[in-house]
């Protein structure tokens, strides 16, 4: 029997998420070969990040930073509970997921900014900008892989397909112990 569900991820959050996946993937794959494609993918990623920051301030409940960003103490408590196998289920982002969202947004913004800087006369050929851009791109890849691992771990732990939730927008309705 199917459990009741609720809408969590609005269409714009989901469109942002999958568009950022596509733009980062395209930028990563074209960085050494197709510079015009690489640059446009980077501009798209930068614009998407700007949109997400705005949407995190004015969007619906589960899109807002104020709903899911937690204090460092909450993050530590969640980590301890997770290591003990007793972490609560969150309807929106859990404290570690929220930290990952913020980290990915900041890292993508910095990657896009350094990429853009490389197109300016003032920074054309400046080694530290190129090295920072490449390092940030590699950090982004590591963060993406950690994000995927976290999604798979939480999907297993709470018996809920989080990838499917980010596609369709719905998650299992809250139970009494869940944190909305």
Protein backbone atom coordinates (compact mmCIF):
# COMPACT_ATOMS: atom_id res chain seq x y z
CA UNK A 1 0.00 0.00 0.00
CA UNK A 2 1.37 3.43 -0.92
CA UNK A 3 2.09 5.82 1.89
CA UNK A 4 0.71 9.36 1.75
CA UNK A 5 3.07 11.99 0.37
CA UNK A 6 3.48 15.73 0.55
CA UNK A 7 4.97 18.18 -1.91
CA UNK A 8 8.35 19.36 -0.64
CA UNK A 9 10.48 20.49 -3.57
CA UNK A 10 8.75 23.10 -5.69
CA UNK A 11 9.20 23.06 -9.50
CA UNK A 12 11.75 25.90 -9.47
CA UNK A 13 13.98 24.19 -6.88
CA UNK A 14 13.88 21.01 -8.96
CA UNK A 15 14.55 22.87 -12.21
CA UNK A 16 17.44 24.71 -10.54
CA UNK A 17 18.89 21.47 -9.18
CA UNK A 18 18.85 19.50 -12.43
CA UNK A 19 19.91 22.52 -14.51
CA UNK A 20 22.90 23.01 -12.22
CA UNK A 21 23.73 19.32 -12.56
CA UNK A 22 23.65 19.71 -16.35
CA UNK A 23 25.63 22.96 -16.46
CA UNK A 24 28.34 21.67 -14.12
CA UNK A 25 28.60 18.39 -16.03
CA UNK A 26 28.86 20.21 -19.36
CA UNK A 27 31.42 22.67 -18.00
CA UNK A 28 33.47 19.85 -16.46
CA UNK A 29 33.48 17.79 -19.66
CA UNK A 30 34.30 20.70 -22.00
CA UNK A 31 36.90 22.58 -19.95
CA UNK A 32 39.89 21.62 -22.06
CA UNK A 33 38.30 21.21 -25.47
CA UNK A 34 35.23 23.35 -26.21
CA UNK A 35 35.87 26.65 -24.48
CA UNK A 36 32.80 28.47 -25.82
CA UNK A 37 30.54 25.68 -24.56
CA UNK A 38 32.49 25.59 -21.29
CA UNK A 39 32.07 29.34 -20.80
CA UNK A 40 28.33 29.31 -21.53
CA UNK A 41 27.85 26.40 -19.13
CA UNK A 42 29.76 28.42 -16.52
CA UNK A 43 27.61 31.50 -17.13
CA UNK A 44 24.52 29.31 -16.78
CA UNK A 45 25.83 27.90 -13.49
CA UNK A 46 26.52 31.41 -12.18
CA UNK A 47 23.04 32.59 -13.14
CA UNK A 48 21.48 29.51 -11.55
CA UNK A 49 23.34 30.16 -8.30
CA UNK A 50 22.15 33.78 -8.30
CA UNK A 51 18.59 32.57 -8.82
CA UNK A 52 18.89 30.00 -6.00
CA UNK A 53 20.14 32.60 -3.55
CA UNK A 54 17.15 34.80 -4.39
CA UNK A 55 14.76 31.83 -4.21
CA UNK A 56 16.28 30.86 -0.87
CA UNK A 57 15.10 34.21 0.46
CA UNK A 58 11.63 34.51 -1.11
CA UNK A 59 10.65 31.03 -2.32
CA UNK A 60 8.20 28.60 -0.71
CA UNK A 61 8.78 27.01 2.69
CA UNK A 62 11.23 24.21 1.87
CA UNK A 63 13.19 26.37 -0.59
CA UNK A 64 14.00 29.01 2.02
CA UNK A 65 17.35 29.07 3.74
CA UNK A 66 15.61 30.06 6.96
CA UNK A 67 13.74 26.75 6.94
CA UNK A 68 16.73 24.45 6.56
CA UNK A 69 19.93 26.21 7.61
CA UNK A 70 20.78 25.05 11.12
CA UNK A 71 23.25 26.16 13.76
CA UNK A 72 26.67 24.47 14.05
CA UNK A 73 25.43 22.81 17.24
CA UNK A 74 22.51 21.23 15.38
CA UNK A 75 24.88 19.99 12.69
CA UNK A 76 27.15 18.36 15.29
CA UNK A 77 24.18 16.79 17.11
CA UNK A 78 22.85 15.44 13.81
CA UNK A 79 26.24 13.96 12.93
CA UNK A 80 26.49 12.25 16.32
CA UNK A 81 22.99 10.85 15.93
CA UNK A 82 23.79 9.66 12.38
CA UNK A 83 26.93 7.86 13.56
CA UNK A 84 24.77 6.18 16.18
CA UNK A 85 22.14 5.25 13.58
CA UNK A 86 19.53 7.39 15.33
CA UNK A 87 19.30 10.55 13.24
CA UNK A 88 15.80 11.93 12.79
CA UNK A 89 14.19 12.17 9.37
CA UNK A 90 13.77 15.71 8.06
CA UNK A 91 11.06 16.56 5.57
CA UNK A 92 13.27 19.24 4.00
CA UNK A 93 17.07 19.20 4.16
CA UNK A 94 18.64 17.66 7.22
CA UNK A 95 21.43 19.71 8.88
CA UNK A 96 24.19 17.97 6.90
CA UNK A 97 22.24 18.31 3.66
CA UNK A 98 21.72 21.99 4.39
CA UNK A 99 25.43 22.45 5.01
CA UNK A 100 26.12 20.69 1.70
CA UNK A 101 23.64 22.95 -0.14
CA UNK A 102 25.37 26.06 1.20
CA UNK A 103 28.83 24.66 0.46
CA UNK A 104 27.87 23.70 -3.11
CA UNK A 105 26.32 27.13 -3.74
CA UNK A 106 29.41 28.93 -2.44
CA UNK A 107 31.84 26.67 -4.29
CA UNK A 108 29.88 26.96 -7.54
CA UNK A 109 29.70 30.74 -7.17
CA UNK A 110 33.46 30.91 -6.63
CA UNK A 111 34.11 28.58 -9.57
CA UNK A 112 31.90 30.65 -11.87
CA UNK A 113 33.43 33.91 -10.60
CA UNK A 114 37.01 32.78 -11.21
CA UNK A 115 36.03 31.46 -14.63
CA UNK A 116 34.48 34.82 -15.49
CA UNK A 117 37.56 36.62 -14.18
CA UNK A 118 39.67 34.67 -16.67
CA UNK A 119 37.74 36.33 -19.52
CA UNK A 120 38.56 39.86 -18.32
CA UNK A 121 41.56 41.80 -19.59
CA UNK A 122 42.67 42.47 -16.01
CA UNK A 123 42.98 38.75 -15.23
CA UNK A 124 43.70 37.26 -18.67
CA UNK A 125 46.57 34.80 -18.21
CA UNK A 126 46.94 35.51 -14.48
CA UNK A 127 48.17 32.23 -13.07
CA UNK A 128 46.57 32.38 -9.61
CA UNK A 129 43.11 32.95 -11.15
CA UNK A 130 43.51 29.98 -13.49
CA UNK A 131 44.83 27.78 -10.67
CA UNK A 132 42.02 28.86 -8.34
CA UNK A 133 39.43 28.12 -11.03
CA UNK A 134 40.84 24.66 -11.66
CA UNK A 135 41.16 23.90 -7.94
CA UNK A 136 37.58 25.05 -7.33
CA UNK A 137 36.31 22.89 -10.18
CA UNK A 138 38.05 19.88 -8.63
CA UNK A 139 36.64 20.76 -5.21
CA UNK A 140 33.20 21.00 -6.80
CA UNK A 141 33.58 17.52 -8.26
CA UNK A 142 34.55 16.14 -4.84
CA UNK A 143 31.58 17.93 -3.25
CA UNK A 144 29.21 16.57 -5.88
CA UNK A 145 30.45 13.04 -5.23
CA UNK A 146 30.04 13.57 -1.46
CA UNK A 147 26.54 14.95 -2.08
CA UNK A 148 25.58 11.89 -4.12
CA UNK A 149 26.97 9.60 -1.42
CA UNK A 150 24.99 11.48 1.23
CA UNK A 151 21.78 11.26 -0.80
CA UNK A 152 22.24 7.53 -1.28
CA UNK A 153 23.07 7.05 2.41
CA UNK A 154 20.01 9.01 3.57
CA UNK A 155 17.79 7.29 1.01
CA UNK A 156 18.89 3.92 2.41
CA UNK A 157 18.76 4.99 6.05
CA UNK A 158 15.24 6.45 5.87
CA UNK A 159 13.93 4.08 3.20
CA UNK A 160 13.01 6.97 0.92
CA UNK A 161 14.16 7.60 -2.65
CA UNK A 162 15.52 11.15 -2.44
CA UNK A 163 16.46 11.22 -6.13
CA UNK A 164 12.84 10.46 -7.00
CA UNK A 165 11.77 13.20 -4.57
CA UNK A 166 13.99 15.72 -6.37
CA UNK A 167 12.44 14.68 -9.69
CA UNK A 168 8.78 14.63 -8.69
CA UNK A 169 8.87 16.98 -5.70
CA UNK A 170 7.09 14.70 -3.22
CA UNK A 171 8.32 12.88 -0.15
CA UNK A 172 6.65 10.54 2.31
CA UNK A 173 4.33 12.48 4.60
CA UNK A 174 5.76 13.28 8.03
CA UNK A 175 5.48 10.79 10.83
CA UNK A 176 5.34 11.98 14.46
CA UNK A 177 9.12 11.72 15.01
CA UNK A 178 9.99 13.50 11.75
CA UNK A 179 11.14 17.11 11.68
CA UNK A 180 9.18 19.31 9.31
